[in-house]
Amino acid sequence: MNRLLRKNTRRSVLSVLLLAGVIAPLPAFAAQPAATVITLGEQVAIDGEGASATAGHVQITAGGVYEVSGTLADGQIEVDAPDAEVEVILNGADITSSDGPAILVRDAGSATLTLAPGSENRVEDGGDTDFDAAIAADVSLAIGGEGALKVVGNQNEGIASSLHLTFTGGDIHVWAVEDGINANNDDVSEITVTGGTLFVETETGDGIDSNGTITITGGTVTTLGAMADMNGGLDADGDVTIDGGNVIATGARLSVPVAASAQQSLLLRFGQTQAAGTLIVIQDASGQDVLVFAPANAFQQVLVSDPGISATETYSYFVGGVGEGEPVNGRYAAASDLGEAAGTVTTASLDEARQQRGPGQ
């Protein structure tokens, strides 16, 4: 049997086994087996090619898959692999940097950060450098997987890119002094969320800030902007489009989704600043809860988008009640006390905001 025939035979057998259910296909999120294993610690251990370490600074200079675990008390993972495809899998990694980003993607043809299933990961930055985020990329960056990631941005941003950012999965919590998530290429940058859980909280900036566009098609997104400088949970110079998912955004002023968005949204605007922790309840005409939420930041506007919101219905909202049970990212399952009736709202609430702001701004 010649080599080509043997190869085709193996392919045929594999196809039959897959169709028969003997071999299960890999799930879509699954990363390829790591070619290089990086174990962090006082001494960094590297098993494989394409990476090196010096005094806590780990540099990846070739394309491939790199699995990172362990604790780096003061150091950095840097990717500098021009034109190469690089995937970094975080599998129980805790990285703190006292001088710059914990993860820096300086150059790559494509860069992906994958959170290993069931893993808990944490990154935190420090110091004062040109790259002012806990995770900083000079190229487009995609983040996904089925693990958890906590990002602490002490210098400015939490996650930042000079081009595009895409979030496809994982349970990601971002806290930052300035913008939580930022893509800063004017009129070019795109921030896209297709799945996962994304919780963003800031001290003085915007939650999610794009100098281009923001598009959300899936996932659970909670983004809290600061009252300072009229910041908000969503801020885009271009269009905000919400075609799916569950989205809550709060702040002083919000960029609202364009009318062409496939999913409906509601916008609450208050004449006075509402204190951090104030419960907001939105109910439909039958008294079913659409939103029971207490933002951790003070706010004057609340945007909620959900597949269940209808363009033909009028919703009632309440302020200052009491949530029932333990909240998850500020979200309650129900309210034991609705608080004071504050008014009604429809999807037309976005029209005036669109006219006032235009695209973005």
Foldseek 3Di string as FASTA:
>chain_A
DDPVVVVVVVVVVVVVCCVVVVDDDDDPQDDDPFQWEWEDDCDIDIDHDQWDDDRQEIEGAAATEYEYAYERPAYAYEYHHAAHHYEYEYAHYEFEHADAANYEYEHYNAYEYEYEAAGEYEFEYHHDDPQQENHEYADEYEYAYHEEYEFERERAEHHEYCAEYEYEEHAYEFEHQEEDYEHEPAQGYEYEYEEYEYFFYYNAYEDHEYNHEYEYEEYAYEFEGAQHPQYKPAFYVFAYAYQAYKYKMFYNDHQDHDPPHNWFKWKAFAPDKDAQQKWKWKAWPVRHTPFTFGHRHIGGMMMIIHNPADQPTKIWMAIRFAADDDDDSRGGPGTPGRHHTDGIIHSCNCVVVCVVQPGGD
